[in-house]
């Protein structure tokens, strides 16, 4: 593990990560309903933790994506954040792009555990990961100089792929050789198989993401910032993680902005100072400054002004408006839902920030009753506690 935080900072970070899960789950029922009037009609002043229903989307513009989900479930944003969290935990608080990619493909890809909506960055990332592997296989086959039949080549590929999908570097040779020996005892064929595995390993690309500048670029950042806060390479790791799913320069710039904001608040700096540090990282400073110029909370107007869709240049000004004006976690999350549109994506920045500032269980903090409503809460909060001491 990488950081030695004070007990106060550990508590703040654990609260922040828990706040992300709560904010996402609270927003799911009305996620991607863009009509704020319809949201008020359906849910009034307490729009949180509704079971997703197509009936809500019968009036007003929206996209119903979460059929079959229940109140307390998290969105695909939460699912992707869990994948990165699991990778960070498995790698002792360090980002391993290869491990993250493998887990992402295993979870969201064919045969994986995810059941639900697949967004554009996820879909294209899965396609890229599969295509990158195929290119690496062809490069590996071309590197082999040992005369092999097509059948032998095909079997060697089948033998090595289970290992290149979960091991790297010096970890590969011994298990690959042993696996090949079950079918081929010839040393030259075993050597060719090891070369194939090592070439595939070396050819796999760390930048597997879509050319996309939507909220999946930043929604997964809280656990990464928890591990790398106060570390000199935080922004390097942020870019590496973002380019796994969003290989786009604007997405990286917005992610740097979000990561700077999260880091400062996680470390206990006043929100105003955190905003001052983060805002210069934004690729679109004009709208951010306009969002921060408001004197009262009006998330619906912010959505009207800056946009409600998944694009970062719309979402980030709305996020900055809400966090700068809301006085409590509950107020911020309800305002975010009432704004409409991609509330779940925005929740992954708003929730952790407000929870870090206001804590858990206090009048302004994350309500204890809300904590209890999140599906698999004990496991998710246990991960948060582990990452907070990383």
Protein backbone atom coordinates (compact mmCIF):
# COMPACT_ATOMS: atom_id res chain seq x y z
CA UNK A 1 0.00 0.00 0.00
CA UNK A 2 1.14 3.54 -0.74
CA UNK A 3 -0.08 6.22 1.70
CA UNK A 4 0.00 6.68 5.44
CA UNK A 5 -2.93 8.93 6.18
CA UNK A 6 -3.99 10.32 9.53
CA UNK A 7 -7.02 8.70 11.12
CA UNK A 8 -9.04 11.81 10.28
CA UNK A 9 -8.07 11.59 6.61
CA UNK A 10 -8.78 7.86 6.51
CA UNK A 11 -12.26 8.50 7.86
CA UNK A 12 -12.83 11.30 5.36
CA UNK A 13 -11.78 9.13 2.41
CA UNK A 14 -13.82 6.13 3.55
CA UNK A 15 -16.85 8.41 3.92
CA UNK A 16 -16.22 9.85 0.45
CA UNK A 17 -16.07 6.46 -1.23
CA UNK A 18 -19.21 5.33 0.58
CA UNK A 19 -20.86 8.55 -0.56
CA UNK A 20 -20.18 7.64 -4.17
CA UNK A 21 -22.05 4.37 -3.88
CA UNK A 22 -24.96 6.03 -2.10
CA UNK A 23 -25.21 8.86 -4.62
CA UNK A 24 -25.18 6.49 -7.59
CA UNK A 25 -27.80 4.14 -6.14
CA UNK A 26 -29.98 7.05 -5.03
CA UNK A 27 -30.00 8.43 -8.59
CA UNK A 28 -30.65 5.23 -10.54
CA UNK A 29 -34.47 5.28 -10.58
CA UNK A 30 -34.71 8.49 -12.63
CA UNK A 31 -31.37 8.27 -14.43
CA UNK A 32 -31.49 9.65 -17.98
CA UNK A 33 -34.90 11.25 -17.57
CA UNK A 34 -34.11 14.70 -18.98
CA UNK A 35 -37.38 16.45 -18.16
CA UNK A 36 -37.06 18.07 -14.72
CA UNK A 37 -40.77 18.81 -14.59
CA UNK A 38 -41.52 15.14 -15.13
CA UNK A 39 -39.04 14.22 -12.38
CA UNK A 40 -40.88 16.53 -9.96
CA UNK A 41 -44.20 15.11 -11.10
CA UNK A 42 -43.04 11.54 -10.49
CA UNK A 43 -41.03 11.95 -7.31
CA UNK A 44 -41.66 15.36 -5.77
CA UNK A 45 -38.98 16.53 -3.36
CA UNK A 46 -37.74 13.04 -2.46
CA UNK A 47 -36.58 11.51 -5.77
CA UNK A 48 -33.97 9.17 -4.31
CA UNK A 49 -33.89 5.34 -4.37
CA UNK A 50 -36.78 4.74 -6.73
CA UNK A 51 -37.01 1.38 -8.48
CA UNK A 52 -36.41 2.09 -12.19
CA UNK A 53 -39.67 2.00 -14.13
CA UNK A 54 -40.49 2.60 -17.78
CA UNK A 55 -43.65 4.39 -16.61
CA UNK A 56 -41.57 7.33 -15.41
CA UNK A 57 -40.36 7.85 -18.96
CA UNK A 58 -43.80 7.81 -20.55
CA UNK A 59 -43.88 11.60 -20.54
CA UNK A 60 -41.01 13.98 -21.23
CA UNK A 61 -37.77 13.20 -23.00
CA UNK A 62 -35.64 10.42 -21.59
CA UNK A 63 -33.96 7.08 -22.15
CA UNK A 64 -35.00 4.13 -20.00
CA UNK A 65 -31.88 1.97 -19.62
CA UNK A 66 -32.23 0.16 -16.33
CA UNK A 67 -35.08 -2.29 -16.70
CA UNK A 68 -34.78 -5.14 -14.20
CA UNK A 69 -32.77 -3.11 -11.70
CA UNK A 70 -34.08 -2.61 -8.18
CA UNK A 71 -33.97 0.25 -5.71
CA UNK A 72 -30.52 0.25 -4.15
CA UNK A 73 -28.72 -1.10 -7.22
CA UNK A 74 -25.93 0.97 -8.74
CA UNK A 75 -25.58 1.94 -12.38
CA UNK A 76 -23.02 0.80 -14.93
CA UNK A 77 -20.89 3.68 -13.63
CA UNK A 78 -20.81 2.01 -10.25
CA UNK A 79 -20.10 -1.35 -11.86
CA UNK A 80 -17.07 0.09 -13.66
CA UNK A 81 -15.89 1.78 -10.47
CA UNK A 82 -16.12 -1.58 -8.70
CA UNK A 83 -13.93 -3.16 -11.39
CA UNK A 84 -11.21 -0.56 -10.82
CA UNK A 85 -11.64 -0.87 -7.05
CA UNK A 86 -11.16 -4.63 -7.23
CA UNK A 87 -8.04 -4.14 -9.34
CA UNK A 88 -6.57 -1.61 -6.92
CA UNK A 89 -7.25 -3.91 -3.97
CA UNK A 90 -5.68 -6.89 -5.77
CA UNK A 91 -2.58 -4.82 -6.64
CA UNK A 92 -1.99 -3.41 -3.14
CA UNK A 93 -3.31 0.04 -3.93
CA UNK A 94 -1.39 0.47 -7.18
CA UNK A 95 -2.82 0.88 -10.66
CA UNK A 96 -1.96 -2.00 -12.97
CA UNK A 97 -3.41 -1.10 -16.35
CA UNK A 98 -3.14 -4.67 -17.55
CA UNK A 99 -4.93 -6.03 -14.51
CA UNK A 100 -7.61 -3.35 -14.83
CA UNK A 101 -8.11 -4.15 -18.52
CA UNK A 102 -8.39 -7.87 -17.82
CA UNK A 103 -10.95 -7.35 -15.09
CA UNK A 104 -12.91 -4.90 -17.24
CA UNK A 105 -13.12 -7.37 -20.13
CA UNK A 106 -13.93 -10.28 -17.82
CA UNK A 107 -16.71 -8.38 -16.05
CA UNK A 108 -18.39 -6.54 -18.93
CA UNK A 109 -17.46 -8.88 -21.77
CA UNK A 110 -18.98 -12.17 -22.95
CA UNK A 111 -19.59 -14.51 -20.05
CA UNK A 112 -19.04 -11.74 -17.52
CA UNK A 113 -21.12 -10.95 -14.46
CA UNK A 114 -22.58 -7.62 -15.62
CA UNK A 115 -26.25 -7.59 -16.50
CA UNK A 116 -27.41 -4.18 -17.59
CA UNK A 117 -26.80 -1.27 -19.87
CA UNK A 118 -23.52 -1.02 -21.80
CA UNK A 119 -22.58 2.57 -22.68
CA UNK A 120 -20.57 3.68 -25.71
CA UNK A 121 -17.14 3.90 -24.02
CA UNK A 122 -17.60 0.46 -22.48
CA UNK A 123 -18.78 -1.12 -25.73
CA UNK A 124 -15.90 0.32 -27.76
CA UNK A 125 -13.37 -0.48 -25.05
CA UNK A 126 -14.47 -4.11 -25.12
CA UNK A 127 -14.14 -4.14 -28.90
CA UNK A 128 -10.69 -2.55 -28.69
CA UNK A 129 -9.46 -4.97 -26.05
CA UNK A 130 -10.51 -7.94 -28.18
CA UNK A 131 -9.05 -6.40 -31.36
CA UNK A 132 -5.80 -5.51 -29.59
CA UNK A 133 -5.43 -9.08 -28.40
CA UNK A 134 -6.01 -10.42 -31.91
CA UNK A 135 -3.34 -8.08 -33.32
CA UNK A 136 -0.97 -9.21 -30.59
CA UNK A 137 -1.66 -12.86 -31.46
CA UNK A 138 -0.81 -12.23 -35.11
CA UNK A 139 2.41 -10.48 -34.08
CA UNK A 140 3.26 -13.39 -31.81
CA UNK A 141 2.69 -15.95 -34.55
CA UNK A 142 4.86 -13.90 -36.92
CA UNK A 143 7.69 -13.84 -34.37
CA UNK A 144 7.92 -17.65 -34.25
CA UNK A 145 10.69 -19.00 -36.51
CA UNK A 146 10.20 -22.65 -35.54
CA UNK A 147 8.41 -24.53 -38.36
CA UNK A 148 4.92 -25.26 -37.11
CA UNK A 149 1.78 -26.57 -38.75
CA UNK A 150 -1.40 -24.48 -38.68
CA UNK A 151 -2.81 -26.93 -36.17
CA UNK A 152 0.21 -26.54 -33.88
CA UNK A 153 -0.01 -22.74 -34.11
CA UNK A 154 -3.71 -22.86 -33.28
CA UNK A 155 -3.15 -25.11 -30.28
CA UNK A 156 -0.30 -22.96 -29.00
CA UNK A 157 -2.54 -19.88 -29.14
CA UNK A 158 -5.20 -21.75 -27.21
CA UNK A 159 -2.59 -22.82 -24.66
CA UNK A 160 -1.09 -19.38 -24.01
CA UNK A 161 -4.15 -17.10 -24.00
CA UNK A 162 -5.40 -18.11 -20.53
CA UNK A 163 -2.00 -17.00 -19.20
CA UNK A 164 -1.51 -13.80 -21.21
CA UNK A 165 -4.96 -12.73 -20.00
CA UNK A 166 -3.94 -12.82 -16.34
CA UNK A 167 -0.12 -12.85 -16.15
CA UNK A 168 2.65 -10.61 -17.49
CA UNK A 169 6.41 -10.50 -17.96
CA UNK A 170 8.47 -13.07 -16.06
CA UNK A 171 5.32 -14.68 -14.70
CA UNK A 172 4.52 -16.20 -18.09
CA UNK A 173 7.30 -18.60 -19.08
CA UNK A 174 6.98 -21.36 -16.47
CA UNK A 175 3.20 -21.89 -16.52
CA UNK A 176 3.04 -21.54 -20.32
CA UNK A 177 5.77 -24.12 -20.78
CA UNK A 178 4.03 -26.48 -18.36
CA UNK A 179 0.68 -26.07 -20.13
CA UNK A 180 2.24 -26.77 -23.53
CA UNK A 181 4.10 -29.82 -22.18
CA UNK A 182 0.76 -31.53 -21.60
CA UNK A 183 0.38 -31.76 -25.37
CA UNK A 184 3.85 -31.21 -26.85
CA UNK A 185 7.03 -32.56 -25.27
CA UNK A 186 9.33 -31.15 -27.95
CA UNK A 187 11.53 -28.38 -26.47
CA UNK A 188 11.41 -26.33 -29.66
CA UNK A 189 7.60 -26.23 -29.64
CA UNK A 190 7.55 -25.30 -25.97
CA UNK A 191 10.08 -22.54 -26.68
CA UNK A 192 7.92 -21.29 -29.55
CA UNK A 193 4.90 -21.18 -27.25
CA UNK A 194 6.76 -19.16 -24.64
CA UNK A 195 7.89 -16.72 -27.36
CA UNK A 196 4.29 -16.47 -28.55
CA UNK A 197 3.09 -15.66 -25.03
CA UNK A 198 5.82 -13.11 -24.39
CA UNK A 199 5.22 -11.39 -27.73
CA UNK A 200 1.48 -11.18 -27.10
CA UNK A 201 2.21 -9.75 -23.67
CA UNK A 202 4.51 -7.10 -25.11
CA UNK A 203 2.12 -6.09 -27.89
CA UNK A 204 -0.98 -5.43 -25.77
CA UNK A 205 -1.75 -1.71 -25.62
CA UNK A 206 -2.46 0.27 -22.43
CA UNK A 207 -4.66 2.76 -24.32
CA UNK A 208 -7.72 0.65 -25.04
CA UNK A 209 -10.44 3.27 -24.63
CA UNK A 210 -12.91 4.86 -26.99
CA UNK A 211 -12.32 8.30 -28.46
CA UNK A 212 -15.00 9.56 -26.11
CA UNK A 213 -15.33 12.52 -23.73
CA UNK A 214 -18.23 11.41 -21.57
CA UNK A 215 -18.62 10.88 -17.82
CA UNK A 216 -17.13 7.34 -17.63
CA UNK A 217 -13.77 9.10 -17.86
CA UNK A 218 -14.19 10.65 -14.41
CA UNK A 219 -16.81 8.56 -12.59
CA UNK A 220 -14.28 5.87 -11.63
CA UNK A 221 -11.72 8.31 -10.17
CA UNK A 222 -12.62 8.34 -6.44
CA UNK A 223 -10.98 5.00 -5.55
CA UNK A 224 -7.92 5.83 -7.67
CA UNK A 225 -7.51 9.22 -5.99
CA UNK A 226 -7.94 7.53 -2.62
CA UNK A 227 -4.88 5.40 -3.39
CA UNK A 228 -2.72 8.10 -4.98
CA UNK A 229 -3.66 11.24 -3.04
CA UNK A 230 -0.56 13.17 -2.03
CA UNK A 231 1.55 11.12 -4.45
CA UNK A 232 3.62 12.90 -7.11
CA UNK A 233 2.39 10.56 -9.85
CA UNK A 234 -1.33 11.01 -9.20
CA UNK A 235 -2.01 12.71 -12.52
CA UNK A 236 0.09 10.15 -14.42
CA UNK A 237 -2.02 7.38 -12.93
CA UNK A 238 -5.23 9.30 -13.63
CA UNK A 239 -4.37 9.61 -17.30
CA UNK A 240 -3.41 5.94 -17.54
CA UNK A 241 -6.68 4.83 -15.96
CA UNK A 242 -8.80 7.18 -18.06
CA UNK A 243 -7.23 6.05 -21.34
CA UNK A 244 -8.24 2.46 -20.60
CA UNK A 245 -11.86 3.46 -21.33
CA UNK A 246 -11.66 7.03 -22.76
CA UNK A 247 -8.70 7.56 -25.07
CA UNK A 248 -9.39 11.24 -25.59
CA UNK A 249 -7.34 14.32 -24.62
CA UNK A 250 -10.33 16.39 -23.45
CA UNK A 251 -11.50 13.49 -21.31
CA UNK A 252 -8.06 13.33 -19.71
CA UNK A 253 -8.08 17.10 -19.09
CA UNK A 254 -11.46 16.97 -17.38
CA UNK A 255 -10.30 13.96 -15.38
CA UNK A 256 -7.29 15.93 -14.16
CA UNK A 257 -9.68 18.67 -13.07
CA UNK A 258 -11.92 16.20 -11.23
CA UNK A 259 -8.97 14.37 -9.67
CA UNK A 260 -7.45 17.60 -8.38
CA UNK A 261 -10.77 18.53 -6.82
CA UNK A 262 -11.18 15.10 -5.22
CA UNK A 263 -7.62 14.97 -3.92
CA UNK A 264 -7.80 18.38 -2.25
CA UNK A 265 -11.09 17.63 -0.52
CA UNK A 266 -9.97 14.12 0.45
CA UNK A 267 -6.97 15.67 2.17
CA UNK A 268 -9.16 18.09 4.11
CA UNK A 269 -8.64 21.34 2.22
CA UNK A 270 -11.56 23.80 2.18
CA UNK A 271 -13.82 23.39 -0.81
CA UNK A 272 -13.14 26.92 -2.04
CA UNK A 273 -9.40 26.22 -2.15
CA UNK A 274 -9.98 22.86 -3.80
CA UNK A 275 -12.06 24.53 -6.52
CA UNK A 276 -9.37 27.15 -7.07
CA UNK A 277 -6.80 24.41 -7.61
CA UNK A 278 -9.00 22.28 -9.85
CA UNK A 279 -10.57 24.91 -12.12
CA UNK A 280 -7.36 25.76 -14.03
CA UNK A 281 -7.17 22.14 -15.20
CA UNK A 282 -10.51 22.44 -17.02
CA UNK A 283 -10.35 22.59 -20.82
CA UNK A 284 -13.48 24.79 -20.80
CA UNK A 285 -12.90 27.34 -18.05
CA UNK A 286 -15.56 29.83 -19.20
CA UNK A 287 -18.56 27.62 -18.39
CA UNK A 288 -16.96 26.48 -15.16
CA UNK A 289 -16.53 30.07 -14.01
CA UNK A 290 -20.12 30.85 -14.99
CA UNK A 291 -21.33 27.85 -13.00
CA UNK A 292 -19.37 29.02 -9.95
CA UNK A 293 -20.75 32.56 -10.16
CA UNK A 294 -24.20 31.53 -8.93
CA UNK A 295 -25.30 32.75 -5.50
CA UNK A 296 -27.86 30.04 -4.76
CA UNK A 297 -28.52 26.41 -5.63
CA UNK A 298 -30.58 25.95 -8.80
CA UNK A 299 -29.54 22.67 -10.40
CA UNK A 300 -32.45 22.68 -12.85
CA UNK A 301 -31.35 26.05 -14.23
CA UNK A 302 -27.76 24.78 -14.34
CA UNK A 303 -28.96 21.89 -16.47
CA UNK A 304 -30.85 24.29 -18.72
CA UNK A 305 -27.73 26.46 -19.05
CA UNK A 306 -24.92 23.94 -19.43
CA UNK A 307 -26.67 20.73 -20.49
CA UNK A 308 -27.72 17.47 -18.86
CA UNK A 309 -26.11 14.87 -21.09
CA UNK A 310 -23.14 12.60 -20.41
CA UNK A 311 -20.59 14.91 -22.06
CA UNK A 312 -18.03 16.29 -19.66
CA UNK A 313 -18.24 19.86 -20.91
CA UNK A 314 -21.92 19.81 -19.86
CA UNK A 315 -21.67 17.70 -16.72
CA UNK A 316 -18.68 19.29 -15.03
CA UNK A 317 -20.15 22.84 -14.79
CA UNK A 318 -23.34 21.33 -13.32
CA UNK A 319 -21.22 19.38 -10.82
CA UNK A 320 -19.29 22.49 -9.81
CA UNK A 321 -22.51 24.46 -9.42
CA UNK A 322 -24.09 21.87 -7.14
CA UNK A 323 -21.07 21.27 -4.91
CA UNK A 324 -20.43 24.99 -4.50
CA UNK A 325 -24.02 25.79 -3.47
CA UNK A 326 -25.43 22.73 -1.68
CA UNK A 327 -25.25 22.77 2.11
CA UNK A 328 -25.60 19.03 2.72
CA UNK A 329 -25.17 15.65 1.10
CA UNK A 330 -28.92 15.14 0.85
CA UNK A 331 -29.52 18.54 -0.71
CA UNK A 332 -26.78 17.96 -3.28
CA UNK A 333 -27.98 14.50 -4.31
CA UNK A 334 -31.61 15.58 -4.60
CA UNK A 335 -30.60 18.63 -6.62
CA UNK A 336 -28.54 16.43 -8.92
CA UNK A 337 -31.49 14.08 -9.50
CA UNK A 338 -33.89 16.97 -10.05
CA UNK A 339 -31.52 18.42 -12.65
CA UNK A 340 -32.14 15.30 -14.73
CA UNK A 341 -30.13 13.65 -17.46
CA UNK A 342 -26.98 11.79 -16.49
CA UNK A 343 -27.46 12.06 -12.75
CA UNK A 344 -25.68 8.77 -12.00
CA UNK A 345 -22.52 9.86 -13.81
CA UNK A 346 -22.42 13.21 -12.02
CA UNK A 347 -23.17 11.46 -8.72
CA UNK A 348 -19.73 9.86 -8.67
CA UNK A 349 -18.09 13.26 -8.21
CA UNK A 350 -20.82 15.03 -6.24
CA UNK A 351 -21.39 12.18 -3.78
CA UNK A 352 -17.76 11.62 -2.73
CA UNK A 353 -17.09 15.35 -2.41
CA UNK A 354 -20.13 16.07 -0.27
CA UNK A 355 -19.54 12.99 1.87
CA UNK A 356 -15.90 13.97 2.40
CA UNK A 357 -16.94 17.47 3.46
CA UNK A 358 -19.92 16.58 5.64
CA UNK A 359 -19.16 13.04 6.76
CA UNK A 360 -21.58 10.23 7.53
CA UNK A 361 -24.52 10.26 9.91
CA UNK A 362 -24.45 13.94 10.78
CA UNK A 363 -27.26 16.38 9.99
CA UNK A 364 -25.50 17.47 6.80
CA UNK A 365 -23.75 14.20 6.03
CA UNK A 366 -24.76 10.96 4.35
CA UNK A 367 -27.95 9.75 6.06
CA UNK A 368 -27.48 6.42 7.80
CA UNK A 369 -30.76 5.23 6.33
CA UNK A 370 -29.42 5.93 2.84
CA UNK A 371 -26.26 3.95 3.54
CA UNK A 372 -28.38 0.95 4.41
CA UNK A 373 -30.37 1.07 1.17
CA UNK A 374 -27.43 0.34 -1.16
CA UNK A 375 -27.28 -3.22 -2.52
CA UNK A 376 -24.24 -5.17 -1.22
CA UNK A 377 -23.54 -2.28 1.12
CA UNK A 378 -21.34 -4.19 3.56
CA UNK A 379 -18.97 -5.37 0.83
CA UNK A 380 -18.77 -1.97 -0.88
CA UNK A 381 -18.13 -0.08 2.35
CA UNK A 382 -15.58 -2.68 3.39
CA UNK A 383 -13.67 -1.97 0.19
CA UNK A 384 -13.91 1.75 0.96
CA UNK A 385 -12.42 1.23 4.39
CA UNK A 386 -9.57 -0.85 2.96
CA UNK A 387 -8.73 1.72 0.28
CA UNK A 388 -8.84 4.55 2.80
CA UNK A 389 -5.84 3.07 4.65
CA UNK A 390 -3.91 2.20 1.48
